[in-house]
């Protein structure tokens, strides 16, 4: 895959794979207002009721996650990299394969997953 194809595939994956759905497939998350909370997959931090800065938090609005215990933060790509021991390119390809995503083209936006 050349650089243009990698860039197009990365954009397509980022547009179609929603972080809350990806992480919910990996672990139990509970909705807490506009966020989702759960146990951190990287450390033993757990959410504390009434404390908005505890445990593992998924922020769909910014397509990101952050753990207030270990400080691990990132997006869909860094999550797949970290949990599967992959490089960035391998993470992009893994997500594209899993969700059957092809690079975007001029035929319009791809459906949201």
C-alpha atoms as a PDB file:
ATOM      1  CA  UNK A   1       0.000   0.000   0.000  1.00  0.00           C
ATOM      2  CA  UNK A   2       1.428   3.404  -0.931  1.00  0.00           C
ATOM      3  CA  UNK A   3       1.205   6.534   1.238  1.00  0.00           C
ATOM      4  CA  UNK A   4      -1.916   7.849  -0.508  1.00  0.00           C
ATOM      5  CA  UNK A   5      -3.744   4.550  -0.012  1.00  0.00           C
ATOM      6  CA  UNK A   6      -2.705   4.397   3.657  1.00  0.00           C
ATOM      7  CA  UNK A   7      -3.937   7.957   4.213  1.00  0.00           C
ATOM      8  CA  UNK A   8      -7.272   7.211   2.469  1.00  0.00           C
ATOM      9  CA  UNK A   9      -7.770   4.006   4.454  1.00  0.00           C
ATOM     10  CA  UNK A  10      -6.900   5.755   7.733  1.00  0.00           C
ATOM     11  CA  UNK A  11      -9.465   8.472   7.024  1.00  0.00           C
ATOM     12  CA  UNK A  12     -12.129   5.914   6.063  1.00  0.00           C
ATOM     13  CA  UNK A  13     -11.546   3.900   9.243  1.00  0.00           C
ATOM     14  CA  UNK A  14     -11.565   7.009  11.436  1.00  0.00           C
ATOM     15  CA  UNK A  15     -14.851   8.180   9.875  1.00  0.00           C
ATOM     16  CA  UNK A  16     -16.605   4.821  10.195  1.00  0.00           C
ATOM     17  CA  UNK A  17     -15.415   3.198  13.430  1.00  0.00           C
ATOM     18  CA  UNK A  18     -16.866   4.865  16.509  1.00  0.00           C
ATOM     19  CA  UNK A  19     -14.766   4.587  19.653  1.00  0.00           C
ATOM     20  CA  UNK A  20     -17.620   3.788  22.019  1.00  0.00           C
ATOM     21  CA  UNK A  21     -18.723   0.869  19.828  1.00  0.00           C
ATOM     22  CA  UNK A  22     -15.170  -0.464  19.417  1.00  0.00           C
ATOM     23  CA  UNK A  23     -14.377  -0.333  23.122  1.00  0.00           C
ATOM     24  CA  UNK A  24     -17.783  -1.749  24.114  1.00  0.00           C
ATOM     25  CA  UNK A  25     -16.893  -4.823  22.024  1.00  0.00           C
ATOM     26  CA  UNK A  26     -13.738  -5.151  24.145  1.00  0.00           C
ATOM     27  CA  UNK A  27     -15.081  -4.478  27.635  1.00  0.00           C
ATOM     28  CA  UNK A  28     -18.160  -3.491  29.599  1.00  0.00           C
ATOM     29  CA  UNK A  29     -18.929   0.229  29.495  1.00  0.00           C
ATOM     30  CA  UNK A  30     -21.719   2.100  31.260  1.00  0.00           C
ATOM     31  CA  UNK A  31     -23.120   5.371  29.970  1.00  0.00           C
ATOM     32  CA  UNK A  32     -22.523   8.297  32.327  1.00  0.00           C
ATOM     33  CA  UNK A  33     -24.055  11.396  30.739  1.00  0.00           C
ATOM     34  CA  UNK A  34     -22.247  12.082  27.467  1.00  0.00           C
ATOM     35  CA  UNK A  35     -19.444   9.657  28.411  1.00  0.00           C
ATOM     36  CA  UNK A  36     -18.986   5.929  28.903  1.00  0.00           C
ATOM     37  CA  UNK A  37     -17.076   4.617  31.921  1.00  0.00           C
ATOM     38  CA  UNK A  38     -15.586   1.291  32.864  1.00  0.00           C
ATOM     39  CA  UNK A  39     -12.581  -0.516  34.250  1.00  0.00           C
ATOM     40  CA  UNK A  40      -9.309   0.449  32.586  1.00  0.00           C
ATOM     41  CA  UNK A  41      -7.954  -2.265  30.273  1.00  0.00           C
ATOM     42  CA  UNK A  42      -4.402  -1.023  30.958  1.00  0.00           C
ATOM     43  CA  UNK A  43      -4.339  -0.749  34.769  1.00  0.00           C
ATOM     44  CA  UNK A  44      -6.611  -1.583  37.709  1.00  0.00           C
ATOM     45  CA  UNK A  45      -8.401   1.806  37.823  1.00  0.00           C
ATOM     46  CA  UNK A  46     -12.143   1.610  38.280  1.00  0.00           C
ATOM     47  CA  UNK A  47     -14.776   4.343  38.025  1.00  0.00           C
ATOM     48  CA  UNK A  48     -16.018   5.840  41.285  1.00  0.00           C
ATOM     49  CA  UNK A  49     -19.651   6.967  41.447  1.00  0.00           C
ATOM     50  CA  UNK A  50     -19.892  10.741  41.690  1.00  0.00           C
ATOM     51  CA  UNK A  51     -16.267  11.327  40.686  1.00  0.00           C
ATOM     52  CA  UNK A  52     -16.036  12.448  37.066  1.00  0.00           C
ATOM     53  CA  UNK A  53     -12.257  12.093  37.061  1.00  0.00           C
ATOM     54  CA  UNK A  54     -11.856   8.480  38.094  1.00  0.00           C
ATOM     55  CA  UNK A  55     -11.393   5.264  36.194  1.00  0.00           C
ATOM     56  CA  UNK A  56     -11.518   4.786  32.454  1.00  0.00           C
ATOM     57  CA  UNK A  57     -13.618   7.225  30.431  1.00  0.00           C
ATOM     58  CA  UNK A  58     -14.641   7.103  26.757  1.00  0.00           C
ATOM     59  CA  UNK A  59     -15.492  10.468  25.198  1.00  0.00           C
ATOM     60  CA  UNK A  60     -17.484   9.863  21.974  1.00  0.00           C
ATOM     61  CA  UNK A  61     -17.643  13.569  21.103  1.00  0.00           C
ATOM     62  CA  UNK A  62     -13.854  13.608  20.686  1.00  0.00           C
ATOM     63  CA  UNK A  63     -13.509   9.951  19.607  1.00  0.00           C
ATOM     64  CA  UNK A  64     -11.054   9.387  22.456  1.00  0.00           C
ATOM     65  CA  UNK A  65     -10.537   7.611  25.764  1.00  0.00           C
ATOM     66  CA  UNK A  66      -8.582   8.442  28.903  1.00  0.00           C
ATOM     67  CA  UNK A  67      -7.769   6.659  32.143  1.00  0.00           C
ATOM     68  CA  UNK A  68      -7.467   8.815  35.229  1.00  0.00           C
ATOM     69  CA  UNK A  69      -5.523   6.031  36.959  1.00  0.00           C
ATOM     70  CA  UNK A  70      -2.601   5.351  34.623  1.00  0.00           C
ATOM     71  CA  UNK A  71      -2.957   8.368  32.315  1.00  0.00           C
ATOM     72  CA  UNK A  72      -3.342   6.270  29.159  1.00  0.00           C
ATOM     73  CA  UNK A  73      -5.265   8.289  26.560  1.00  0.00           C
ATOM     74  CA  UNK A  74      -5.826   7.857  22.853  1.00  0.00           C
ATOM     75  CA  UNK A  75      -8.102   7.056  19.949  1.00  0.00           C
ATOM     76  CA  UNK A  76      -9.262   3.938  18.097  1.00  0.00           C
ATOM     77  CA  UNK A  77      -5.841   3.402  16.566  1.00  0.00           C
ATOM     78  CA  UNK A  78      -3.831   3.707  19.780  1.00  0.00           C
ATOM     79  CA  UNK A  79      -6.318   1.432  21.577  1.00  0.00           C
ATOM     80  CA  UNK A  80      -5.884  -1.315  18.990  1.00  0.00           C
ATOM     81  CA  UNK A  81      -2.121  -0.769  18.940  1.00  0.00           C
ATOM     82  CA  UNK A  82      -1.831  -1.029  22.716  1.00  0.00           C
ATOM     83  CA  UNK A  83      -4.224  -3.935  23.273  1.00  0.00           C
ATOM     84  CA  UNK A  84      -2.885  -6.024  20.374  1.00  0.00           C
ATOM     85  CA  UNK A  85       0.789  -5.005  20.253  1.00  0.00           C
ATOM     86  CA  UNK A  86       0.498  -3.620  16.712  1.00  0.00           C
ATOM     87  CA  UNK A  87       2.137  -0.795  14.796  1.00  0.00           C
ATOM     88  CA  UNK A  88      -0.024   2.109  13.622  1.00  0.00           C
ATOM     89  CA  UNK A  89      -0.297   0.703  10.089  1.00  0.00           C
ATOM     90  CA  UNK A  90      -1.169  -2.752  11.425  1.00  0.00           C
ATOM     91  CA  UNK A  91      -3.868  -1.203  13.635  1.00  0.00           C
ATOM     92  CA  UNK A  92      -5.376   0.659  10.664  1.00  0.00           C
ATOM     93  CA  UNK A  93      -5.376  -2.519   8.582  1.00  0.00           C
ATOM     94  CA  UNK A  94      -6.780  -4.593  11.458  1.00  0.00           C
ATOM     95  CA  UNK A  95      -9.713  -2.202  11.914  1.00  0.00           C
ATOM     96  CA  UNK A  96     -10.293  -1.996   8.153  1.00  0.00           C
ATOM     97  CA  UNK A  97     -10.392  -5.792   7.923  1.00  0.00           C
ATOM     98  CA  UNK A  98     -12.599  -6.202  10.992  1.00  0.00           C
ATOM     99  CA  UNK A  99     -15.185  -3.679   9.800  1.00  0.00           C
ATOM    100  CA  UNK A 100     -14.746  -4.390   6.069  1.00  0.00           C
ATOM    101  CA  UNK A 101     -13.697  -0.847   5.239  1.00  0.00           C
ATOM    102  CA  UNK A 102     -12.113   0.172   1.952  1.00  0.00           C
ATOM    103  CA  UNK A 103     -10.387   3.495   1.281  1.00  0.00           C
ATOM    104  CA  UNK A 104     -12.812   6.334   0.577  1.00  0.00           C
ATOM    105  CA  UNK A 105     -13.414   7.486  -2.951  1.00  0.00           C
ATOM    106  CA  UNK A 106     -15.421  10.217  -4.668  1.00  0.00           C
ATOM    107  CA  UNK A 107     -18.678   8.278  -4.566  1.00  0.00           C
ATOM    108  CA  UNK A 108     -19.767   9.889  -1.304  1.00  0.00           C
ATOM    109  CA  UNK A 109     -19.453   9.187   2.385  1.00  0.00           C
ATOM    110  CA  UNK A 110     -19.324   5.635   3.676  1.00  0.00           C
ATOM    111  CA  UNK A 111     -22.011   4.391   6.070  1.00  0.00           C
ATOM    112  CA  UNK A 112     -21.387   4.893   9.792  1.00  0.00           C
ATOM    113  CA  UNK A 113     -20.776   1.779  11.892  1.00  0.00           C
END
